[in-house]
């Protein structure tokens, strides 16, 4: 049921990003929003999954500082995320390095990232640290020079689990504000 409520939100976000990109394509080339070296991003993202009555919700706050590296932009992106599954809670603190490339004369940027961090999980008084590492693929759509929507697929290998290391696959959807972007 929760997944059914999430689908319209995801569809609305993707439609808004697509319309923003189409509007940018119709604009003059100098009017198409672009990411610039020195831009600072502050955003929120989330995901929710419901399977057989078990719901997993993740809320993430991320930031990034973009810098030029030849024909591409790179970004250092620290983030903090909170995940809740039934009575289990987890806080992730991650750092990623991403490479961004504009897709033609549009307001769309594809990116790939590598990162990792530490995850503190707790269930009652029991606490355990784990170490997720992995890669991400994403698409960022600039609505204008100050606002962007993004969708990201994230693969993480979670290390130091007491039973066995395991893999996570997550799709995150988010919105960002951009500061100092072309100022």
Protein backbone atom coordinates (compact mmCIF):
# COMPACT_ATOMS: atom_id res chain seq x y z
CA UNK A 1 0.00 0.00 0.00
CA UNK A 2 2.83 2.42 0.89
CA UNK A 3 4.57 1.63 -2.40
CA UNK A 4 1.37 2.57 -4.26
CA UNK A 5 1.46 6.02 -2.63
CA UNK A 6 5.14 6.43 -3.53
CA UNK A 7 4.64 5.73 -7.26
CA UNK A 8 2.57 8.88 -7.96
CA UNK A 9 5.14 11.00 -6.09
CA UNK A 10 7.97 9.48 -8.13
CA UNK A 11 6.03 9.93 -11.38
CA UNK A 12 5.28 13.58 -10.50
CA UNK A 13 8.95 14.29 -9.71
CA UNK A 14 10.15 12.68 -12.94
CA UNK A 15 7.49 14.52 -14.96
CA UNK A 16 8.54 17.85 -13.41
CA UNK A 17 12.18 17.10 -14.24
CA UNK A 18 11.28 16.13 -17.81
CA UNK A 19 9.16 19.25 -18.32
CA UNK A 20 11.95 21.42 -16.93
CA UNK A 21 14.40 19.78 -19.32
CA UNK A 22 12.03 20.17 -22.28
CA UNK A 23 11.55 23.84 -21.43
CA UNK A 24 15.32 24.19 -21.27
CA UNK A 25 15.67 22.57 -24.71
CA UNK A 26 13.21 25.09 -26.16
CA UNK A 27 15.16 27.96 -24.60
CA UNK A 28 18.08 29.74 -26.14
CA UNK A 29 21.41 27.95 -25.42
CA UNK A 30 22.54 30.65 -22.98
CA UNK A 31 19.26 30.28 -21.05
CA UNK A 32 19.61 26.50 -20.43
CA UNK A 33 20.44 25.91 -16.76
CA UNK A 34 23.92 24.52 -16.16
CA UNK A 35 26.07 23.29 -13.30
CA UNK A 36 29.20 25.35 -12.74
CA UNK A 37 32.44 24.80 -10.93
CA UNK A 38 32.17 26.21 -7.42
CA UNK A 39 28.45 25.38 -7.07
CA UNK A 40 27.32 24.08 -3.70
CA UNK A 41 24.41 21.64 -3.51
CA UNK A 42 22.16 21.02 -0.51
CA UNK A 43 19.41 18.48 -0.94
CA UNK A 44 17.13 15.83 0.46
CA UNK A 45 16.39 12.41 -0.99
CA UNK A 46 14.46 9.41 0.09
CA UNK A 47 13.22 5.97 -0.72
CA UNK A 48 10.53 3.71 0.62
CA UNK A 49 9.93 0.01 0.09
CA UNK A 50 7.06 -2.14 1.33
CA UNK A 51 7.26 -5.92 1.03
CA UNK A 52 4.77 -8.25 2.73
CA UNK A 53 3.99 -5.77 5.49
CA UNK A 54 7.60 -4.80 6.21
CA UNK A 55 8.28 -1.16 5.32
CA UNK A 56 11.76 0.32 4.95
CA UNK A 57 12.04 4.10 4.75
CA UNK A 58 15.22 6.10 4.16
CA UNK A 59 15.64 9.86 4.44
CA UNK A 60 18.93 11.39 3.32
CA UNK A 61 20.42 14.88 3.53
CA UNK A 62 23.32 15.43 1.17
CA UNK A 63 25.57 18.23 0.10
CA UNK A 64 28.18 18.63 -2.56
CA UNK A 65 30.84 20.98 -3.83
CA UNK A 66 31.40 20.90 -7.59
CA UNK A 67 34.77 21.50 -9.22
CA UNK A 68 36.04 21.35 -12.80
CA UNK A 69 38.20 18.46 -13.97
CA UNK A 70 38.76 18.94 -17.69
CA UNK A 71 35.54 18.42 -19.70
CA UNK A 72 33.63 17.05 -16.70
CA UNK A 73 32.53 18.29 -13.32
CA UNK A 74 33.42 16.40 -10.18
CA UNK A 75 31.88 16.74 -6.75
CA UNK A 76 32.79 15.77 -3.22
CA UNK A 77 29.50 14.78 -1.59
CA UNK A 78 29.12 14.15 2.14
CA UNK A 79 25.73 12.88 3.32
CA UNK A 80 23.88 11.63 6.33
CA UNK A 81 20.92 9.24 6.14
CA UNK A 82 18.44 7.73 8.56
CA UNK A 83 16.76 4.40 7.84
CA UNK A 84 13.92 2.77 9.75
CA UNK A 85 12.74 -0.84 9.39
CA UNK A 86 10.21 -1.93 12.01
CA UNK A 87 12.11 -1.44 15.30
CA UNK A 88 15.59 -1.22 13.70
CA UNK A 89 17.08 2.23 13.12
CA UNK A 90 20.30 3.12 11.32
CA UNK A 91 22.31 6.28 10.74
CA UNK A 92 24.72 6.37 7.78
CA UNK A 93 27.50 8.89 7.35
CA UNK A 94 28.98 8.66 3.85
CA UNK A 95 31.40 10.48 1.62
CA UNK A 96 31.31 10.11 -2.15
CA UNK A 97 33.27 11.38 -5.12
CA UNK A 98 31.22 11.82 -8.28
CA UNK A 99 31.84 12.64 -11.94
CA UNK A 100 29.11 14.60 -13.79
CA UNK A 101 28.65 15.00 -17.53
CA UNK A 102 26.06 17.15 -19.28
CA UNK A 103 23.87 15.23 -21.74
CA UNK A 104 24.03 17.29 -24.93
CA UNK A 105 22.57 20.80 -24.91
CA UNK A 106 20.11 19.98 -22.14
CA UNK A 107 19.69 20.61 -18.44
CA UNK A 108 20.31 16.91 -17.70
CA UNK A 109 23.50 15.67 -16.09
CA UNK A 110 24.40 12.00 -15.78
CA UNK A 111 26.75 11.04 -12.99
CA UNK A 112 28.62 8.12 -11.53
CA UNK A 113 29.94 8.07 -7.98
CA UNK A 114 32.01 5.93 -5.65
CA UNK A 115 31.73 6.20 -1.91
CA UNK A 116 31.45 4.64 1.45
CA UNK A 117 31.13 5.34 5.10
CA UNK A 118 29.97 4.03 8.41
CA UNK A 119 26.52 2.84 9.49
CA UNK A 120 25.46 2.70 13.13
CA UNK A 121 22.47 0.39 13.65
CA UNK A 122 20.54 -0.01 16.85
CA UNK A 123 17.73 -2.23 18.05
CA UNK A 124 16.79 -1.38 21.63
CA UNK A 125 20.08 -1.25 23.52
CA UNK A 126 21.96 -3.37 20.97
CA UNK A 127 24.29 -1.36 18.69
CA UNK A 128 26.38 -2.48 15.74
CA UNK A 129 28.64 -0.65 13.28
CA UNK A 130 28.79 -1.67 9.64
CA UNK A 131 30.67 -0.23 6.67
CA UNK A 132 28.81 0.28 3.36
CA UNK A 133 30.98 0.86 0.26
CA UNK A 134 29.99 0.95 -3.39
CA UNK A 135 28.94 2.93 -6.43
CA UNK A 136 26.01 4.99 -7.71
CA UNK A 137 24.57 5.98 -11.08
CA UNK A 138 22.27 8.94 -11.36
CA UNK A 139 20.58 11.61 -13.38
CA UNK A 140 20.23 15.23 -12.23
CA UNK A 141 17.75 17.53 -13.99
CA UNK A 142 18.22 21.25 -13.44
CA UNK A 143 14.89 23.06 -13.30
CA UNK A 144 16.80 26.35 -13.21
CA UNK A 145 20.22 27.48 -11.97
CA UNK A 146 19.10 27.10 -8.33
CA UNK A 147 16.92 23.95 -8.24
CA UNK A 148 17.53 20.37 -9.38
CA UNK A 149 15.73 17.03 -9.17
CA UNK A 150 17.65 13.79 -9.14
CA UNK A 151 17.14 10.06 -9.30
CA UNK A 152 19.91 7.70 -8.31
CA UNK A 153 20.51 3.96 -8.27
CA UNK A 154 22.88 3.00 -5.48
CA UNK A 155 24.72 -0.29 -4.94
CA UNK A 156 26.41 -0.84 -1.58
CA UNK A 157 28.30 -3.83 -0.22
CA UNK A 158 27.81 -3.75 3.54
CA UNK A 159 30.89 -5.02 5.34
CA UNK A 160 31.41 -6.28 8.91
CA UNK A 161 27.95 -7.79 9.42
CA UNK A 162 28.07 -10.42 12.19
CA UNK A 163 26.45 -13.07 9.95
CA UNK A 164 27.85 -12.25 6.48
CA UNK A 165 28.59 -9.27 4.26
CA UNK A 166 25.59 -8.41 2.07
CA UNK A 167 24.59 -6.19 -0.87
CA UNK A 168 22.02 -3.39 -0.98
CA UNK A 169 20.31 -1.96 -4.05
CA UNK A 170 18.45 1.32 -3.49
CA UNK A 171 16.77 3.87 -5.75
CA UNK A 172 16.72 7.38 -4.26
CA UNK A 173 14.65 10.32 -5.49
CA UNK A 174 15.47 13.84 -4.34
CA UNK A 175 15.39 17.60 -4.72
CA UNK A 176 18.31 19.99 -4.32
CA UNK A 177 19.04 23.68 -3.96
CA UNK A 178 22.15 25.01 -5.67
CA UNK A 179 24.14 27.91 -4.23
CA UNK A 180 26.94 29.87 -5.95
CA UNK A 181 26.04 28.23 -9.26
CA UNK A 182 27.41 30.63 -11.83
CA UNK A 183 27.46 33.68 -9.52
